[in-house]
């Protein structure tokens, strides 16, 4: 079995975000339809999930605090 690389996970997360964003935006045009309303809500939840997953795939760098110098 192939090991899934970090780059592959990042690509899958990006594709998931793009797809769920497309579904959320597209279904927003048909919110009077009960089925499309459910698709809209589900796609919005998926977008949040893919966004959180995508952000977790990148390292958290601690930025050094810079002191302001007043001249």
PDB file of N, CA and C in Angstrom:
ATOM      1  N   UNK A   1       0.830  -1.181   0.000  1.00  0.00           N
ATOM      2  CA  UNK A   1       0.000   0.000   0.000  1.00  0.00           C
ATOM      3  C   UNK A   1       0.877   1.249   0.000  1.00  0.00           C
ATOM      4  N   UNK A   2       0.502   2.231  -0.823  1.00  0.00           N
ATOM      5  CA  UNK A   2       1.272   3.464  -0.929  1.00  0.00           C
ATOM      6  C   UNK A   2       1.034   4.370   0.270  1.00  0.00           C
ATOM      7  N   UNK A   3       2.094   5.010   0.706  1.00  0.00           N
ATOM      8  CA  UNK A   3       1.973   5.975   1.787  1.00  0.00           C
ATOM      9  C   UNK A   3       1.546   7.320   1.195  1.00  0.00           C
ATOM     10  N   UNK A   4       0.566   7.941   1.802  1.00  0.00           N
ATOM     11  CA  UNK A   4       0.065   9.226   1.324  1.00  0.00           C
ATOM     12  C   UNK A   4       0.984  10.329   1.840  1.00  0.00           C
ATOM     13  N   UNK A   5       1.501  11.133   0.913  1.00  0.00           N
ATOM     14  CA  UNK A   5       2.429  12.195   1.299  1.00  0.00           C
ATOM     15  C   UNK A   5       1.677  13.433   1.762  1.00  0.00           C
ATOM     16  N   UNK A   6       2.402  14.319   2.389  1.00  0.00           N
ATOM     17  CA  UNK A   6       1.831  15.574   2.855  1.00  0.00           C
ATOM     18  C   UNK A   6       1.336  16.407   1.673  1.00  0.00           C
ATOM     19  N   UNK A   7       2.083  16.397   0.581  1.00  0.00           N
ATOM     20  CA  UNK A   7       1.675  17.156  -0.607  1.00  0.00           C
ATOM     21  C   UNK A   7       0.361  16.634  -1.176  1.00  0.00           C
ATOM     22  N   UNK A   8       0.184  15.307  -1.151  1.00  0.00           N
ATOM     23  CA  UNK A   8      -1.067  14.720  -1.642  1.00  0.00           C
ATOM     24  C   UNK A   8      -2.233  15.136  -0.757  1.00  0.00           C
ATOM     25  N   UNK A   9      -2.032  15.132   0.551  1.00  0.00           N
ATOM     26  CA  UNK A   9      -3.078  15.562   1.474  1.00  0.00           C
ATOM     27  C   UNK A   9      -3.442  17.017   1.232  1.00  0.00           C
ATOM     28  N   UNK A  10      -2.433  17.839   0.985  1.00  0.00           N
ATOM     29  CA  UNK A  10      -2.691  19.265   0.718  1.00  0.00           C
ATOM     30  C   UNK A  10      -3.503  19.440  -0.563  1.00  0.00           C
ATOM     31  N   UNK A  11      -3.174  18.667  -1.586  1.00  0.00           N
ATOM     32  CA  UNK A  11      -3.908  18.748  -2.853  1.00  0.00           C
ATOM     33  C   UNK A  11      -5.356  18.307  -2.683  1.00  0.00           C
ATOM     34  N   UNK A  12      -5.562  17.217  -1.949  1.00  0.00           N
ATOM     35  CA  UNK A  12      -6.922  16.727  -1.713  1.00  0.00           C
ATOM     36  C   UNK A  12      -7.727  17.776  -0.941  1.00  0.00           C
ATOM     37  N   UNK A  13      -7.111  18.407   0.038  1.00  0.00           N
ATOM     38  CA  UNK A  13      -7.793  19.446   0.812  1.00  0.00           C
ATOM     39  C   UNK A  13      -8.156  20.633  -0.080  1.00  0.00           C
ATOM     40  N   UNK A  14      -7.261  21.023  -0.977  1.00  0.00           N
ATOM     41  CA  UNK A  14      -7.540  22.138  -1.884  1.00  0.00           C
ATOM     42  C   UNK A  14      -8.670  21.803  -2.843  1.00  0.00           C
ATOM     43  N   UNK A  15      -8.656  20.584  -3.361  1.00  0.00           N
ATOM     44  CA  UNK A  15      -9.725  20.154  -4.278  1.00  0.00           C
ATOM     45  C   UNK A  15     -11.055  20.111  -3.532  1.00  0.00           C
ATOM     46  N   UNK A  16     -11.040  19.610  -2.297  1.00  0.00           N
ATOM     47  CA  UNK A  16     -12.254  19.576  -1.489  1.00  0.00           C
ATOM     48  C   UNK A  16     -12.788  20.962  -1.199  1.00  0.00           C
ATOM     49  N   UNK A  17     -11.884  21.897  -0.906  1.00  0.00           N
ATOM     50  CA  UNK A  17     -12.307  23.277  -0.650  1.00  0.00           C
ATOM     51  C   UNK A  17     -12.919  23.898  -1.899  1.00  0.00           C
ATOM     52  N   UNK A  18     -12.277  23.691  -3.031  1.00  0.00           N
ATOM     53  CA  UNK A  18     -12.785  24.274  -4.290  1.00  0.00           C
ATOM     54  C   UNK A  18     -14.143  23.692  -4.657  1.00  0.00           C
ATOM     55  N   UNK A  19     -14.288  22.384  -4.498  1.00  0.00           N
ATOM     56  CA  UNK A  19     -15.551  21.735  -4.830  1.00  0.00           C
ATOM     57  C   UNK A  19     -16.671  22.189  -3.912  1.00  0.00           C
ATOM     58  N   UNK A  20     -16.405  22.224  -2.622  1.00  0.00           N
ATOM     59  CA  UNK A  20     -17.449  22.640  -1.688  1.00  0.00           C
ATOM     60  C   UNK A  20     -17.781  24.126  -1.841  1.00  0.00           C
ATOM     61  N   UNK A  21     -16.798  24.940  -2.189  1.00  0.00           N
ATOM     62  CA  UNK A  21     -17.078  26.356  -2.451  1.00  0.00           C
ATOM     63  C   UNK A  21     -17.968  26.501  -3.682  1.00  0.00           C
ATOM     64  N   UNK A  22     -17.673  25.734  -4.731  1.00  0.00           N
ATOM     65  CA  UNK A  22     -18.499  25.750  -5.946  1.00  0.00           C
ATOM     66  C   UNK A  22     -19.936  25.327  -5.634  1.00  0.00           C
ATOM     67  N   UNK A  23     -20.103  24.268  -4.846  1.00  0.00           N
ATOM     68  CA  UNK A  23     -21.443  23.805  -4.491  1.00  0.00           C
ATOM     69  C   UNK A  23     -22.177  24.812  -3.614  1.00  0.00           C
ATOM     70  N   UNK A  24     -21.460  25.429  -2.695  1.00  0.00           N
ATOM     71  CA  UNK A  24     -22.092  26.428  -1.826  1.00  0.00           C
ATOM     72  C   UNK A  24     -22.569  27.626  -2.639  1.00  0.00           C
ATOM     73  N   UNK A  25     -21.719  28.134  -3.503  1.00  0.00           N
ATOM     74  CA  UNK A  25     -22.080  29.298  -4.314  1.00  0.00           C
ATOM     75  C   UNK A  25     -23.167  28.953  -5.331  1.00  0.00           C
ATOM     76  N   UNK A  26     -23.042  27.791  -5.967  1.00  0.00           N
ATOM     77  CA  UNK A  26     -24.034  27.401  -6.971  1.00  0.00           C
ATOM     78  C   UNK A  26     -25.398  27.130  -6.381  1.00  0.00           C
ATOM     79  N   UNK A  27     -25.435  26.483  -5.237  1.00  0.00           N
ATOM     80  CA  UNK A  27     -26.723  26.164  -4.624  1.00  0.00           C
ATOM     81  C   UNK A  27     -27.383  27.391  -4.002  1.00  0.00           C
ATOM     82  N   UNK A  28     -26.627  28.451  -3.776  1.00  0.00           N
ATOM     83  CA  UNK A  28     -27.197  29.681  -3.210  1.00  0.00           C
ATOM     84  C   UNK A  28     -28.217  30.314  -4.154  1.00  0.00           C
ATOM     85  N   UNK A  29     -28.113  29.992  -5.425  1.00  0.00           N
ATOM     86  CA  UNK A  29     -29.046  30.551  -6.409  1.00  0.00           C
ATOM     87  C   UNK A  29     -30.411  29.872  -6.361  1.00  0.00           C
ATOM     88  N   UNK A  30     -30.512  28.728  -5.708  1.00  0.00           N
ATOM     89  CA  UNK A  30     -31.742  27.939  -5.715  1.00  0.00           C
ATOM     90  C   UNK A  30     -32.205  27.590  -4.302  1.00  0.00           C
ATOM     91  N   UNK A  31     -32.104  28.524  -3.386  1.00  0.00           N
ATOM     92  CA  UNK A  31     -32.411  28.241  -1.983  1.00  0.00           C
ATOM     93  C   UNK A  31     -33.895  28.024  -1.714  1.00  0.00           C
ATOM     94  N   UNK A  32     -34.771  28.349  -2.668  1.00  0.00           N
ATOM     95  CA  UNK A  32     -36.203  28.096  -2.464  1.00  0.00           C
ATOM     96  C   UNK A  32     -36.523  26.614  -2.587  1.00  0.00           C
ATOM     97  N   UNK A  33     -35.633  25.864  -3.243  1.00  0.00           N
ATOM     98  CA  UNK A  33     -35.784  24.427  -3.384  1.00  0.00           C
ATOM     99  C   UNK A  33     -35.237  23.764  -2.115  1.00  0.00           C
ATOM    100  N   UNK A  34     -36.051  22.887  -1.510  1.00  0.00           N
ATOM    101  CA  UNK A  34     -35.671  22.262  -0.234  1.00  0.00           C
ATOM    102  C   UNK A  34     -34.395  21.426  -0.364  1.00  0.00           C
ATOM    103  N   UNK A  35     -34.273  20.694  -1.455  1.00  0.00           N
ATOM    104  CA  UNK A  35     -33.085  19.856  -1.656  1.00  0.00           C
ATOM    105  C   UNK A  35     -31.835  20.707  -1.815  1.00  0.00           C
ATOM    106  N   UNK A  36     -31.934  21.779  -2.588  1.00  0.00           N
ATOM    107  CA  UNK A  36     -30.775  22.642  -2.799  1.00  0.00           C
ATOM    108  C   UNK A  36     -30.382  23.378  -1.516  1.00  0.00           C
ATOM    109  N   UNK A  37     -31.372  23.650  -0.674  1.00  0.00           N
ATOM    110  CA  UNK A  37     -31.062  24.276   0.603  1.00  0.00           C
ATOM    111  C   UNK A  37     -30.223  23.329   1.462  1.00  0.00           C
ATOM    112  N   UNK A  38     -30.560  22.043   1.445  1.00  0.00           N
ATOM    113  CA  UNK A  38     -29.784  21.049   2.190  1.00  0.00           C
ATOM    114  C   UNK A  38     -28.380  20.893   1.605  1.00  0.00           C
ATOM    115  N   UNK A  39     -28.296  20.919   0.269  1.00  0.00           N
ATOM    116  CA  UNK A  39     -26.985  20.858  -0.390  1.00  0.00           C
ATOM    117  C   UNK A  39     -26.143  22.065   0.020  1.00  0.00           C
ATOM    118  N   UNK A  40     -26.770  23.234   0.056  1.00  0.00           N
ATOM    119  CA  UNK A  40     -26.082  24.468   0.412  1.00  0.00           C
ATOM    120  C   UNK A  40     -25.502  24.396   1.833  1.00  0.00           C
ATOM    121  N   UNK A  41     -26.315  23.946   2.774  1.00  0.00           N
ATOM    122  CA  UNK A  41     -25.861  23.845   4.161  1.00  0.00           C
ATOM    123  C   UNK A  41     -24.762  22.788   4.285  1.00  0.00           C
ATOM    124  N   UNK A  42     -24.962  21.643   3.656  1.00  0.00           N
ATOM    125  CA  UNK A  42     -23.957  20.576   3.706  1.00  0.00           C
ATOM    126  C   UNK A  42     -22.639  20.988   3.091  1.00  0.00           C
ATOM    127  N   UNK A  43     -22.705  21.671   1.955  1.00  0.00           N
ATOM    128  CA  UNK A  43     -21.488  22.131   1.290  1.00  0.00           C
ATOM    129  C   UNK A  43     -20.781  23.198   2.119  1.00  0.00           C
ATOM    130  N   UNK A  44     -21.538  24.033   2.804  1.00  0.00           N
ATOM    131  CA  UNK A  44     -20.933  25.044   3.671  1.00  0.00           C
ATOM    132  C   UNK A  44     -20.196  24.411   4.836  1.00  0.00           C
ATOM    133  N   UNK A  45     -20.800  23.384   5.421  1.00  0.00           N
ATOM    134  CA  UNK A  45     -20.146  22.661   6.508  1.00  0.00           C
ATOM    135  C   UNK A  45     -18.894  21.961   5.997  1.00  0.00           C
ATOM    136  N   UNK A  46     -18.984  21.371   4.805  1.00  0.00           N
ATOM    137  CA  UNK A  46     -17.818  20.704   4.211  1.00  0.00           C
ATOM    138  C   UNK A  46     -16.705  21.710   3.936  1.00  0.00           C
ATOM    139  N   UNK A  47     -17.067  22.900   3.485  1.00  0.00           N
ATOM    140  CA  UNK A  47     -16.068  23.935   3.218  1.00  0.00           C
ATOM    141  C   UNK A  47     -15.312  24.303   4.496  1.00  0.00           C
ATOM    142  N   UNK A  48     -16.035  24.440   5.591  1.00  0.00           N
ATOM    143  CA  UNK A  48     -15.388  24.741   6.866  1.00  0.00           C
ATOM    144  C   UNK A  48     -14.454  23.603   7.266  1.00  0.00           C
ATOM    145  N   UNK A  49     -14.915  22.374   7.112  1.00  0.00           N
ATOM    146  CA  UNK A  49     -14.095  21.217   7.463  1.00  0.00           C
ATOM    147  C   UNK A  49     -12.838  21.111   6.621  1.00  0.00           C
ATOM    148  N   UNK A  50     -12.982  21.282   5.305  1.00  0.00           N
ATOM    149  CA  UNK A  50     -11.811  21.227   4.428  1.00  0.00           C
ATOM    150  C   UNK A  50     -10.849  22.372   4.724  1.00  0.00           C
ATOM    151  N   UNK A  51     -11.374  23.544   5.062  1.00  0.00           N
ATOM    152  CA  UNK A  51     -10.506  24.682   5.388  1.00  0.00           C
ATOM    153  C   UNK A  51      -9.697  24.425   6.656  1.00  0.00           C
ATOM    154  N   UNK A  52     -10.350  23.868   7.663  1.00  0.00           N
ATOM    155  CA  UNK A  52      -9.632  23.542   8.903  1.00  0.00           C
ATOM    156  C   UNK A  52      -8.585  22.461   8.657  1.00  0.00           C
ATOM    157  N   UNK A  53      -8.947  21.454   7.881  1.00  0.00           N
ATOM    158  CA  UNK A  53      -7.991  20.383   7.571  1.00  0.00           C
ATOM    159  C   UNK A  53      -6.805  20.948   6.799  1.00  0.00           C
ATOM    160  N   UNK A  54      -7.094  21.807   5.795  1.00  0.00           N
ATOM    161  CA  UNK A  54      -6.040  22.400   4.976  1.00  0.00           C
ATOM    162  C   UNK A  54      -5.082  23.220   5.834  1.00  0.00           C
ATOM    163  N   UNK A  55      -5.629  24.014   6.746  1.00  0.00           N
ATOM    164  CA  UNK A  55      -4.753  24.852   7.574  1.00  0.00           C
ATOM    165  C   UNK A  55      -3.925  24.007   8.548  1.00  0.00           C
ATOM    166  N   UNK A  56      -4.433  22.837   8.920  1.00  0.00           N
ATOM    167  CA  UNK A  56      -3.679  21.985   9.844  1.00  0.00           C
ATOM    168  C   UNK A  56      -2.515  21.274   9.159  1.00  0.00           C
ATOM    169  N   UNK A  57      -2.487  21.281   7.838  1.00  0.00           N
ATOM    170  CA  UNK A  57      -1.435  20.599   7.090  1.00  0.00           C
ATOM    171  C   UNK A  57      -0.184  21.461   6.898  1.00  0.00           C
ATOM    172  N   UNK A  58      -0.210  22.690   7.393  1.00  0.00           N
ATOM    173  CA  UNK A  58       0.936  23.579   7.279  1.00  0.00           C
ATOM    174  C   UNK A  58       1.527  23.818   8.663  1.00  0.00           C
ATOM    175  N   UNK A  59       2.858  23.898   8.749  1.00  0.00           N
ATOM    176  CA  UNK A  59       3.494  24.071  10.068  1.00  0.00           C
ATOM    177  C   UNK A  59       3.184  25.435  10.662  1.00  0.00           C
ATOM    178  N   UNK A  60       3.065  25.442  11.952  1.00  0.00           N
ATOM    179  CA  UNK A  60       2.839  26.702  12.664  1.00  0.00           C
ATOM    180  C   UNK A  60       4.190  27.264  13.057  1.00  0.00           C
ATOM    181  N   UNK A  61       4.554  28.386  12.474  1.00  0.00           N
ATOM    182  CA  UNK A  61       5.841  29.005  12.785  1.00  0.00           C
ATOM    183  C   UNK A  61       5.626  30.100  13.815  1.00  0.00           C
ATOM    184  N   UNK A  62       6.455  30.083  14.813  1.00  0.00           N
ATOM    185  CA  UNK A  62       6.394  31.145  15.810  1.00  0.00           C
ATOM    186  C   UNK A  62       7.232  32.307  15.300  1.00  0.00           C
ATOM    187  N   UNK A  63       6.578  33.434  15.112  1.00  0.00           N
ATOM    188  CA  UNK A  63       7.307  34.600  14.627  1.00  0.00           C
ATOM    189  C   UNK A  63       7.958  35.308  15.818  1.00  0.00           C
ATOM    190  N   UNK A  64       9.199  35.699  15.648  1.00  0.00           N
ATOM    191  CA  UNK A  64       9.861  36.410  16.750  1.00  0.00           C
ATOM    192  C   UNK A  64       9.200  37.774  16.957  1.00  0.00           C
ATOM    193  N   UNK A  65       9.012  38.128  18.192  1.00  0.00           N
ATOM    194  CA  UNK A  65       8.370  39.411  18.481  1.00  0.00           C
ATOM    195  C   UNK A  65       9.379  40.521  18.260  1.00  0.00           C
ATOM    196  N   UNK A  66       8.948  41.518  17.537  1.00  0.00           N
ATOM    197  CA  UNK A  66       9.819  42.657  17.262  1.00  0.00           C
ATOM    198  C   UNK A  66       9.424  43.794  18.190  1.00  0.00           C
ATOM    199  N   UNK A  67      10.437  44.408  18.756  1.00  0.00           N
ATOM    200  CA  UNK A  67      10.199  45.547  19.615  1.00  0.00           C
ATOM    201  C   UNK A  67      10.217  46.810  18.763  1.00  0.00           C
ATOM    202  N   UNK A  68       9.252  47.655  19.011  1.00  0.00           N
ATOM    203  CA  UNK A  68       9.190  48.921  18.293  1.00  0.00           C
ATOM    204  C   UNK A  68      10.205  49.880  18.896  1.00  0.00           C
ATOM    205  N   UNK A  69      10.964  50.483  18.013  1.00  0.00           N
ATOM    206  CA  UNK A  69      11.933  51.482  18.473  1.00  0.00           C
ATOM    207  C   UNK A  69      11.387  52.860  18.169  1.00  0.00           C
ATOM    208  N   UNK A  70      11.292  53.668  19.193  1.00  0.00           N
ATOM    209  CA  UNK A  70      10.831  55.031  18.994  1.00  0.00           C
ATOM    210  C   UNK A  70      12.044  55.935  18.992  1.00  0.00           C
ATOM    211  N   UNK A  71      12.192  56.657  17.879  1.00  0.00           N
ATOM    212  CA  UNK A  71      13.368  57.536  17.774  1.00  0.00           C
ATOM    213  C   UNK A  71      12.992  58.961  18.060  1.00  0.00           C
TER     214      UNK A  71
END
